[in-house]
Amino acid sequence: MIPVACDAEIAIKRARGRLQCPDNLVEAIEQTGFVGVPITLADGEAAASLPSHHADPFDRMLVAQARRLGAVVVTRDPAFAAYGVHVLPA
């Protein structure tokens, strides 16, 4: 599973020249066997109600989805740990 918010954030960073990744990112992700996890209305509300440990709305959405799914967040950002989600350091 890969949250749709991850794909969006990767694409934005690629467009700004801050990250190198394939132009066909969706196809590359799907070829690995991962599937996209849509953002739900409940995810939006959960992200909005999180404590303000992090200002980035994409990251807050990832936290909300990780909580709902019991998923692990792979990141270098230490702010995620404050939300009590499982973090795998990148």
C-alpha atoms as a PDB file:
ATOM      1  CA  MET A   1       0.000   0.000   0.000  1.00  0.00           C
ATOM      2  CA  ILE A   2       1.149   3.493  -0.758  1.00  0.00           C
ATOM      3  CA  PRO A   3      -0.965   6.484   0.234  1.00  0.00           C
ATOM      4  CA  VAL A   4      -2.024   8.712  -2.639  1.00  0.00           C
ATOM      5  CA  ALA A   5      -0.582  11.625  -0.655  1.00  0.00           C
ATOM      6  CA  CYS A   6       2.883  10.033  -1.045  1.00  0.00           C
ATOM      7  CA  ASP A   7       2.573   9.967  -4.818  1.00  0.00           C
ATOM      8  CA  ALA A   8       1.435  13.590  -4.858  1.00  0.00           C
ATOM      9  CA  GLU A   9       4.271  14.733  -2.615  1.00  0.00           C
ATOM     10  CA  ILE A  10       6.873  12.822  -4.657  1.00  0.00           C
ATOM     11  CA  ALA A  11       5.536  14.319  -7.902  1.00  0.00           C
ATOM     12  CA  ILE A  12       5.637  17.846  -6.466  1.00  0.00           C
ATOM     13  CA  LYS A  13       9.211  17.418  -5.212  1.00  0.00           C
ATOM     14  CA  ARG A  14      10.231  16.001  -8.603  1.00  0.00           C
ATOM     15  CA  ALA A  15       8.647  18.994 -10.385  1.00  0.00           C
ATOM     16  CA  ARG A  16      10.553  21.398  -8.114  1.00  0.00           C
ATOM     17  CA  GLY A  17      13.846  19.595  -8.787  1.00  0.00           C
ATOM     18  CA  ARG A  18      14.183  18.408  -5.184  1.00  0.00           C
ATOM     19  CA  LEU A  19      13.857  14.680  -5.949  1.00  0.00           C
ATOM     20  CA  GLN A  20      14.790  12.358  -8.779  1.00  0.00           C
ATOM     21  CA  CYS A  21      12.314   9.651  -9.683  1.00  0.00           C
ATOM     22  CA  PRO A  22      10.824   8.110 -12.816  1.00  0.00           C
ATOM     23  CA  ASP A  23       8.514  10.228 -14.958  1.00  0.00           C
ATOM     24  CA  ASN A  24       6.138   7.251 -15.007  1.00  0.00           C
ATOM     25  CA  LEU A  25       5.940   7.111 -11.216  1.00  0.00           C
ATOM     26  CA  VAL A  26       2.482   5.529 -11.015  1.00  0.00           C
ATOM     27  CA  GLU A  27       3.477   2.755 -13.411  1.00  0.00           C
ATOM     28  CA  ALA A  28       6.751   2.178 -11.546  1.00  0.00           C
ATOM     29  CA  ILE A  29       4.922   1.915  -8.226  1.00  0.00           C
ATOM     30  CA  GLU A  30       2.303  -0.459  -9.630  1.00  0.00           C
ATOM     31  CA  GLN A  31       5.007  -2.694 -11.142  1.00  0.00           C
ATOM     32  CA  THR A  32       6.370  -3.300  -7.642  1.00  0.00           C
ATOM     33  CA  GLY A  33       3.006  -4.673  -6.547  1.00  0.00           C
ATOM     34  CA  PHE A  34       2.056  -1.701  -4.400  1.00  0.00           C
ATOM     35  CA  VAL A  35      -1.452  -0.313  -4.695  1.00  0.00           C
ATOM     36  CA  GLY A  36      -2.618   3.208  -4.001  1.00  0.00           C
ATOM     37  CA  VAL A  37      -4.607   3.954  -0.861  1.00  0.00           C
ATOM     38  CA  PRO A  38      -7.182   6.682  -1.550  1.00  0.00           C
ATOM     39  CA  ILE A  39      -7.630   9.609   0.788  1.00  0.00           C
ATOM     40  CA  THR A  40     -10.982   9.367   2.556  1.00  0.00           C
ATOM     41  CA  LEU A  41     -13.107  12.097   4.078  1.00  0.00           C
ATOM     42  CA  ALA A  42     -12.292  10.615   7.485  1.00  0.00           C
ATOM     43  CA  ASP A  43      -8.556  10.915   6.686  1.00  0.00           C
ATOM     44  CA  GLY A  44      -9.070  14.610   5.947  1.00  0.00           C
ATOM     45  CA  GLU A  45     -10.831  15.213   9.238  1.00  0.00           C
ATOM     46  CA  ALA A  46      -8.245  13.171  11.145  1.00  0.00           C
ATOM     47  CA  ALA A  47      -5.371  15.110   9.555  1.00  0.00           C
ATOM     48  CA  ALA A  48      -7.015  18.424  10.437  1.00  0.00           C
ATOM     49  CA  SER A  49      -7.491  17.399  14.053  1.00  0.00           C
ATOM     50  CA  LEU A  50      -3.893  16.279  14.655  1.00  0.00           C
ATOM     51  CA  PRO A  51      -1.732  18.244  17.096  1.00  0.00           C
ATOM     52  CA  SER A  52       0.477  20.744  15.275  1.00  0.00           C
ATOM     53  CA  HIS A  53       3.745  18.802  15.497  1.00  0.00           C
ATOM     54  CA  HIS A  54       3.989  19.205  11.741  1.00  0.00           C
ATOM     55  CA  ALA A  55       2.753  22.016   9.484  1.00  0.00           C
ATOM     56  CA  ASP A  56       3.049  20.158   6.158  1.00  0.00           C
ATOM     57  CA  PRO A  57      -0.468  19.083   5.107  1.00  0.00           C
ATOM     58  CA  PHE A  58       0.829  16.113   3.083  1.00  0.00           C
ATOM     59  CA  ASP A  59       2.726  14.796   6.090  1.00  0.00           C
ATOM     60  CA  ARG A  60      -0.291  15.245   8.340  1.00  0.00           C
ATOM     61  CA  MET A  61      -2.352  13.274   5.812  1.00  0.00           C
ATOM     62  CA  LEU A  62       0.258  10.503   5.848  1.00  0.00           C
ATOM     63  CA  VAL A  63       0.000  10.362   9.631  1.00  0.00           C
ATOM     64  CA  ALA A  64      -3.798  10.169   9.460  1.00  0.00           C
ATOM     65  CA  GLN A  65      -3.668   7.363   6.905  1.00  0.00           C
ATOM     66  CA  ALA A  66      -0.940   5.489   8.771  1.00  0.00           C
ATOM     67  CA  ARG A  67      -3.056   5.601  11.918  1.00  0.00           C
ATOM     68  CA  ARG A  68      -6.164   4.351  10.079  1.00  0.00           C
ATOM     69  CA  LEU A  69      -4.299   1.551   8.327  1.00  0.00           C
ATOM     70  CA  GLY A  70      -1.846   0.631  11.087  1.00  0.00           C
ATOM     71  CA  ALA A  71       0.870   1.338   8.510  1.00  0.00           C
ATOM     72  CA  VAL A  72       4.547   2.201   8.872  1.00  0.00           C
ATOM     73  CA  VAL A  73       5.794   5.599   7.679  1.00  0.00           C
ATOM     74  CA  VAL A  74       9.208   5.573   6.008  1.00  0.00           C
ATOM     75  CA  THR A  75      10.799   8.984   6.566  1.00  0.00           C
ATOM     76  CA  ARG A  76      13.829  10.981   7.626  1.00  0.00           C
ATOM     77  CA  ASP A  77      11.589  13.501   9.354  1.00  0.00           C
ATOM     78  CA  PRO A  78      11.752  13.155  13.159  1.00  0.00           C
ATOM     79  CA  ALA A  79       8.431  15.019  13.600  1.00  0.00           C
ATOM     80  CA  PHE A  80       6.448  11.889  12.683  1.00  0.00           C
ATOM     81  CA  ALA A  81       7.440  10.107  15.896  1.00  0.00           C
ATOM     82  CA  ALA A  82       5.548  12.705  17.940  1.00  0.00           C
ATOM     83  CA  TYR A  83       2.295  11.395  16.434  1.00  0.00           C
ATOM     84  CA  GLY A  84       2.793   7.883  17.763  1.00  0.00           C
ATOM     85  CA  VAL A  85       2.862   6.217  14.334  1.00  0.00           C
ATOM     86  CA  HIS A  86       5.297   3.455  13.505  1.00  0.00           C
ATOM     87  CA  VAL A  87       8.307   5.006  11.750  1.00  0.00           C
ATOM     88  CA  LEU A  88      11.008   3.300   9.714  1.00  0.00           C
ATOM     89  CA  PRO A  89      13.958   5.701   9.377  1.00  0.00           C
ATOM     90  CA  ALA A  90      14.866   6.369   5.742  1.00  0.00           C
END
